[in-house]
Amino acid sequence: MTNSNDGNGGAATASIATGRANMQLGYTPLYLQVRQQLLDKLISGEWLPGAMLPSEQQLSVQMGVSQGTVRKALDALSADRIVVRHQGRGTFVAEHDQRRTLFQFFKIADDKGDRVLPETVYSQLRRAEPSTAESRLLGLRPKAGVWRIVRHRALKGRVMLNEQITLSEDRFPGLDVHVPLPNNIYELYERHFATTVARAAEQLRAVSASAQDADVLGCGETTPILQIDRQAFALNGALVELRRSRCLTEQFHYASDLR
């Protein structure tokens, strides 16, 4: 873990002091300013996934704010699953282990409510030219390429998902070195490309299975299936992944817990 006492404490304190002045004018609450400064450290790689953060007291001194403000900022990061707080042990940068991927980023459950992470039974990776929409969404430079990943994924022994993922080749250079790709691909992004997926936005729609879907999923052509279009974002808010999953929902459903 990188030592956080890096000589920038004065600058951080000055920034917080400015933040206090801005608060009086109705700007961002102080704890959210502290949250952003902590997040900036994660984005810069000062604290890597799995690393333990300094204590609340240490952060309070370094940042020139109260311990309560630090605690509130860490609570906000914890609510977003960016850090994990363990009673008596400290606060750690969240990692994309199987449990986090399953409960934060995979919403398909069987009709009994059980969730299991799907198993990849087929995977293909190739370079491709992006569409105009992909170039715009991923912020690609002119003539930049993309990676296209096709995966067939099984739940409880049956292929239920036909999936395509599109990534920027610039952001994920040498991705082909990691073939065969692991089942937990977000862990690969994190460990080898310094890209942590912090959140995802999904759009759902009912569609009819294409001939290719029918072949992969073992269903009849035109069978109703669920299409999930996902945009996944890094800690700094950059869009890093476009994903389309076409799912057979026989004995399974999309489960979303609204609070």
Protein backbone atom coordinates (compact mmCIF):
# COMPACT_ATOMS: atom_id res chain seq x y z
CA MET A 1 0.00 0.00 0.00
CA THR A 2 1.35 3.41 -0.89
CA ASN A 3 2.18 5.70 1.99
CA SER A 4 -0.46 8.44 1.95
CA ASN A 5 1.74 10.95 3.82
CA ASP A 6 3.31 12.09 0.55
CA GLY A 7 3.96 15.73 1.19
CA ASN A 8 0.68 16.88 -0.35
CA GLY A 9 -1.06 17.33 2.97
CA GLY A 10 -0.78 21.11 2.76
CA ALA A 11 -2.40 21.19 -0.66
CA ALA A 12 -5.16 18.86 0.52
CA THR A 13 -5.79 21.02 3.58
CA ALA A 14 -5.91 24.16 1.44
CA SER A 15 -8.37 22.46 -0.90
CA ILE A 16 -10.58 21.45 2.00
CA ALA A 17 -10.38 24.97 3.43
CA THR A 18 -11.51 26.32 0.09
CA GLY A 19 -14.28 23.76 0.18
CA ARG A 20 -15.42 25.05 3.57
CA ALA A 21 -15.63 28.56 2.17
CA ASN A 22 -17.56 27.31 -0.81
CA MET A 23 -20.00 25.49 1.47
CA GLN A 24 -21.12 28.82 2.85
CA LEU A 25 -22.09 29.78 -0.70
CA GLY A 26 -24.18 26.65 -1.11
CA TYR A 27 -21.69 24.44 -2.94
CA THR A 28 -20.91 20.72 -2.51
CA PRO A 29 -21.09 19.42 1.09
CA LEU A 30 -17.70 18.92 2.69
CA TYR A 31 -17.98 15.16 3.08
CA LEU A 32 -18.65 14.83 -0.68
CA GLN A 33 -15.54 16.89 -1.39
CA VAL A 34 -13.57 14.52 0.84
CA ARG A 35 -15.20 11.54 -0.90
CA GLN A 36 -14.04 12.92 -4.27
CA GLN A 37 -10.48 13.43 -3.02
CA LEU A 38 -10.39 9.86 -1.73
CA LEU A 39 -11.81 8.64 -5.03
CA ASP A 40 -9.12 10.59 -6.90
CA LYS A 41 -6.49 8.61 -4.97
CA LEU A 42 -8.10 5.37 -6.12
CA ILE A 43 -8.27 6.56 -9.73
CA SER A 44 -4.59 7.57 -9.68
CA GLY A 45 -3.60 4.14 -8.36
CA GLU A 46 -2.29 5.43 -5.05
CA TRP A 47 -4.45 2.80 -3.35
CA LEU A 48 -4.83 -0.40 -5.36
CA PRO A 49 -7.67 -2.94 -5.17
CA GLY A 50 -7.42 -4.89 -1.94
CA ALA A 51 -5.25 -2.27 -0.22
CA MET A 52 -6.10 -1.07 3.27
CA LEU A 53 -6.72 2.66 3.58
CA PRO A 54 -5.19 4.75 6.37
CA SER A 55 -7.34 4.98 9.49
CA GLU A 56 -10.09 7.58 9.81
CA GLN A 57 -7.91 9.44 12.29
CA GLN A 58 -4.91 9.48 9.90
CA LEU A 59 -7.07 10.66 7.01
CA SER A 60 -8.60 13.31 9.23
CA VAL A 61 -5.18 14.74 10.03
CA GLN A 62 -3.92 14.50 6.44
CA MET A 63 -6.99 16.17 4.96
CA GLY A 64 -7.57 18.77 7.66
CA VAL A 65 -11.17 17.77 8.40
CA SER A 66 -12.95 16.16 11.29
CA GLN A 67 -12.94 12.40 11.76
CA GLY A 68 -16.72 12.45 11.43
CA THR A 69 -16.45 14.03 7.98
CA VAL A 70 -13.98 11.35 6.90
CA ARG A 71 -16.29 8.64 8.26
CA LYS A 72 -19.22 10.04 6.30
CA ALA A 73 -17.13 10.19 3.11
CA LEU A 74 -16.02 6.58 3.58
CA ASP A 75 -19.60 5.53 4.26
CA ALA A 76 -20.59 7.09 0.92
CA LEU A 77 -17.83 5.17 -0.89
CA SER A 78 -18.88 2.00 0.90
CA ALA A 79 -22.51 2.50 -0.16
CA ASP A 80 -21.26 2.64 -3.77
CA ARG A 81 -19.22 -0.55 -3.14
CA ILE A 82 -15.99 1.22 -3.99
CA VAL A 83 -14.51 0.43 -0.58
CA VAL A 84 -15.32 -2.32 1.92
CA ARG A 85 -15.40 -1.63 5.65
CA HIS A 86 -14.58 -4.47 8.07
CA GLN A 87 -15.36 -3.91 11.73
CA GLY A 88 -12.15 -4.02 13.75
CA ARG A 89 -9.96 -4.47 10.67
CA GLY A 90 -10.26 -1.24 8.70
CA THR A 91 -11.38 -0.02 5.28
CA PHE A 92 -10.17 -1.70 2.08
CA VAL A 93 -10.39 -0.88 -1.61
CA ALA A 94 -13.03 -3.19 -3.08
CA GLU A 95 -11.92 -5.95 -5.44
CA HIS A 96 -13.87 -7.61 -8.21
CA ASP A 97 -14.05 -10.99 -6.55
CA GLN A 98 -16.76 -13.47 -7.48
CA ARG A 99 -19.14 -12.31 -4.75
CA ARG A 100 -19.03 -8.64 -5.80
CA THR A 101 -19.45 -9.49 -9.46
CA LEU A 102 -22.38 -11.77 -8.69
CA PHE A 103 -24.36 -9.46 -6.43
CA GLN A 104 -23.52 -6.07 -7.94
CA PHE A 105 -23.28 -6.79 -11.65
CA PHE A 106 -25.23 -9.97 -12.39
CA LYS A 107 -28.98 -9.80 -11.90
CA ILE A 108 -30.21 -13.12 -13.30
CA ALA A 109 -31.67 -15.49 -10.68
CA ASP A 110 -33.52 -18.77 -10.90
CA ASP A 111 -37.20 -18.85 -10.06
CA LYS A 112 -36.37 -19.88 -6.48
CA GLY A 113 -34.40 -16.64 -6.09
CA ASP A 114 -30.96 -18.28 -6.08
CA ARG A 115 -28.09 -16.56 -7.85
CA VAL A 116 -25.03 -18.23 -9.29
CA LEU A 117 -22.33 -16.69 -11.46
CA PRO A 118 -22.70 -18.05 -15.00
CA GLU A 119 -19.94 -20.26 -16.36
CA THR A 120 -18.33 -19.38 -19.67
CA VAL A 121 -18.45 -22.44 -21.92
CA TYR A 122 -17.31 -20.71 -25.12
CA SER A 123 -15.29 -17.54 -25.66
CA GLN A 124 -13.90 -15.83 -28.77
CA LEU A 125 -11.84 -12.64 -28.99
CA ARG A 126 -11.07 -10.69 -32.15
CA ARG A 127 -10.04 -7.21 -33.27
CA ALA A 128 -12.60 -5.23 -35.24
CA GLU A 129 -13.43 -1.80 -36.59
CA PRO A 130 -15.91 0.05 -34.38
CA SER A 131 -19.25 1.35 -35.52
CA THR A 132 -19.81 5.10 -35.49
CA ALA A 133 -21.87 4.76 -32.30
CA GLU A 134 -19.18 2.67 -30.58
CA SER A 135 -16.47 5.20 -31.48
CA ARG A 136 -18.56 8.01 -30.05
CA LEU A 137 -19.58 6.20 -26.86
CA LEU A 138 -16.12 4.84 -26.08
CA GLY A 139 -14.39 8.10 -27.02
CA LEU A 140 -12.07 6.39 -29.51
CA ARG A 141 -9.37 8.24 -31.40
CA PRO A 142 -9.65 8.26 -35.22
CA LYS A 143 -8.97 4.82 -36.79
CA ALA A 144 -8.73 3.17 -33.37
CA GLY A 145 -9.87 -0.44 -33.14
CA VAL A 146 -11.98 -2.38 -30.70
CA TRP A 147 -11.95 -5.83 -29.21
CA ARG A 148 -15.06 -7.93 -29.66
CA ILE A 149 -15.65 -10.75 -27.23
CA VAL A 150 -18.34 -13.36 -27.84
CA ARG A 151 -19.22 -15.59 -24.91
CA HIS A 152 -21.75 -18.37 -24.39
CA ARG A 153 -22.54 -18.69 -20.69
CA ALA A 154 -24.26 -21.44 -18.78
CA LEU A 155 -26.40 -21.38 -15.66
CA LYS A 156 -26.69 -24.67 -13.77
CA GLY A 157 -25.29 -26.58 -16.72
CA ARG A 158 -27.39 -25.07 -19.52
CA VAL A 159 -26.33 -22.29 -21.89
CA MET A 160 -28.65 -19.38 -21.09
CA LEU A 161 -26.74 -16.30 -22.29
CA ASN A 162 -25.40 -15.32 -25.71
CA GLU A 163 -23.14 -12.34 -25.01
CA GLN A 164 -21.09 -9.80 -26.96
CA ILE A 165 -18.68 -7.34 -25.31
CA THR A 166 -16.98 -4.40 -27.05
CA LEU A 167 -13.86 -2.75 -25.59
CA SER A 168 -11.41 -0.09 -26.70
CA GLU A 169 -8.18 -1.64 -27.97
CA ASP A 170 -6.27 1.40 -26.67
CA ARG A 171 -7.59 0.94 -23.14
CA PHE A 172 -6.98 -2.82 -23.16
CA PRO A 173 -3.73 -3.27 -25.15
CA GLY A 174 -2.58 -6.85 -25.53
CA LEU A 175 -5.86 -8.29 -24.33
CA ASP A 176 -5.30 -11.28 -26.60
CA VAL A 177 -2.36 -12.33 -24.41
CA HIS A 178 -4.92 -13.30 -21.77
CA VAL A 179 -6.81 -15.78 -23.97
CA PRO A 180 -8.56 -17.88 -22.81
CA LEU A 181 -10.27 -15.05 -20.97
CA PRO A 182 -11.29 -15.75 -17.36
CA ASN A 183 -14.92 -16.16 -16.38
CA ASN A 184 -14.74 -13.08 -14.11
CA ILE A 185 -13.67 -10.59 -16.76
CA TYR A 186 -14.00 -7.54 -14.49
CA GLU A 187 -11.25 -8.96 -12.31
CA LEU A 188 -9.08 -9.17 -15.44
CA TYR A 189 -9.75 -5.49 -16.24
CA GLU A 190 -8.78 -4.57 -12.69
CA ARG A 191 -5.65 -6.67 -12.24
CA HIS A 192 -4.02 -6.25 -15.65
CA PHE A 193 -5.37 -2.99 -17.07
CA ALA A 194 -5.86 -0.78 -13.98
CA THR A 195 -9.54 -0.41 -14.88
CA THR A 196 -12.05 -0.91 -12.09
CA VAL A 197 -15.68 -1.11 -13.13
CA ALA A 198 -17.49 0.96 -10.52
CA ARG A 199 -21.02 0.94 -11.89
CA ALA A 200 -23.12 -0.15 -14.83
CA ALA A 201 -26.30 1.05 -16.49
CA GLU A 202 -28.57 -1.49 -18.17
CA GLN A 203 -31.52 -1.32 -20.55
CA LEU A 204 -33.85 -4.31 -20.85
CA ARG A 205 -36.17 -5.28 -23.65
CA ALA A 206 -38.03 -8.38 -24.79
CA VAL A 207 -36.91 -9.61 -28.22
CA SER A 208 -37.32 -12.67 -30.42
CA ALA A 209 -34.48 -15.17 -30.67
CA SER A 210 -32.55 -14.93 -33.91
CA ALA A 211 -31.37 -18.02 -35.77
CA GLN A 212 -27.96 -17.56 -34.13
CA ASP A 213 -29.52 -17.17 -30.67
CA ALA A 214 -31.58 -20.31 -31.25
CA ASP A 215 -28.45 -22.26 -32.17
CA VAL A 216 -26.52 -21.07 -29.11
CA LEU A 217 -29.35 -21.24 -26.57
CA GLY A 218 -30.99 -24.39 -27.85
CA CYS A 219 -34.40 -22.77 -28.25
CA GLY A 220 -36.75 -22.24 -31.15
CA GLU A 221 -36.23 -19.33 -33.50
CA THR A 222 -38.50 -16.39 -32.49
CA THR A 223 -38.67 -17.68 -28.89
CA PRO A 224 -39.11 -14.65 -26.56
CA ILE A 225 -35.79 -13.84 -24.84
CA LEU A 226 -34.46 -10.97 -22.73
CA GLN A 227 -31.93 -8.55 -24.21
CA ILE A 228 -29.76 -6.65 -21.72
CA ASP A 229 -27.68 -3.75 -23.04
CA ARG A 230 -25.05 -2.64 -20.55
CA GLN A 231 -22.72 0.31 -20.36
CA ALA A 232 -20.01 -0.16 -17.71
CA PHE A 233 -18.14 2.80 -16.21
CA ALA A 234 -14.75 3.12 -14.49
CA LEU A 235 -14.07 4.95 -11.23
CA ASN A 236 -13.46 8.21 -13.09
CA GLY A 237 -16.79 7.93 -14.92
CA ALA A 238 -15.33 6.89 -18.28
CA LEU A 239 -17.34 4.38 -20.30
CA VAL A 240 -15.13 1.29 -20.67
CA GLU A 241 -17.41 -1.53 -21.81
CA LEU A 242 -20.40 -2.05 -24.07
CA ARG A 243 -22.14 -5.37 -23.53
CA ARG A 244 -25.20 -7.02 -25.03
CA SER A 245 -26.53 -10.19 -23.42
CA ARG A 246 -29.40 -12.14 -24.95
CA CYS A 247 -30.85 -14.41 -22.29
CA LEU A 248 -33.18 -17.34 -22.28
CA THR A 249 -35.36 -16.81 -19.20
CA GLU A 250 -36.90 -20.27 -18.94
CA GLN A 251 -36.82 -20.96 -15.17
CA PHE A 252 -34.78 -17.74 -14.70
CA HIS A 253 -35.61 -14.05 -14.36
CA TYR A 254 -33.99 -10.63 -14.01
CA ALA A 255 -34.01 -9.67 -10.31
CA SER A 256 -33.65 -6.03 -9.25
CA ASP A 257 -33.86 -4.99 -5.60
CA LEU A 258 -35.24 -1.43 -5.51
CA ARG A 259 -34.65 0.58 -2.34
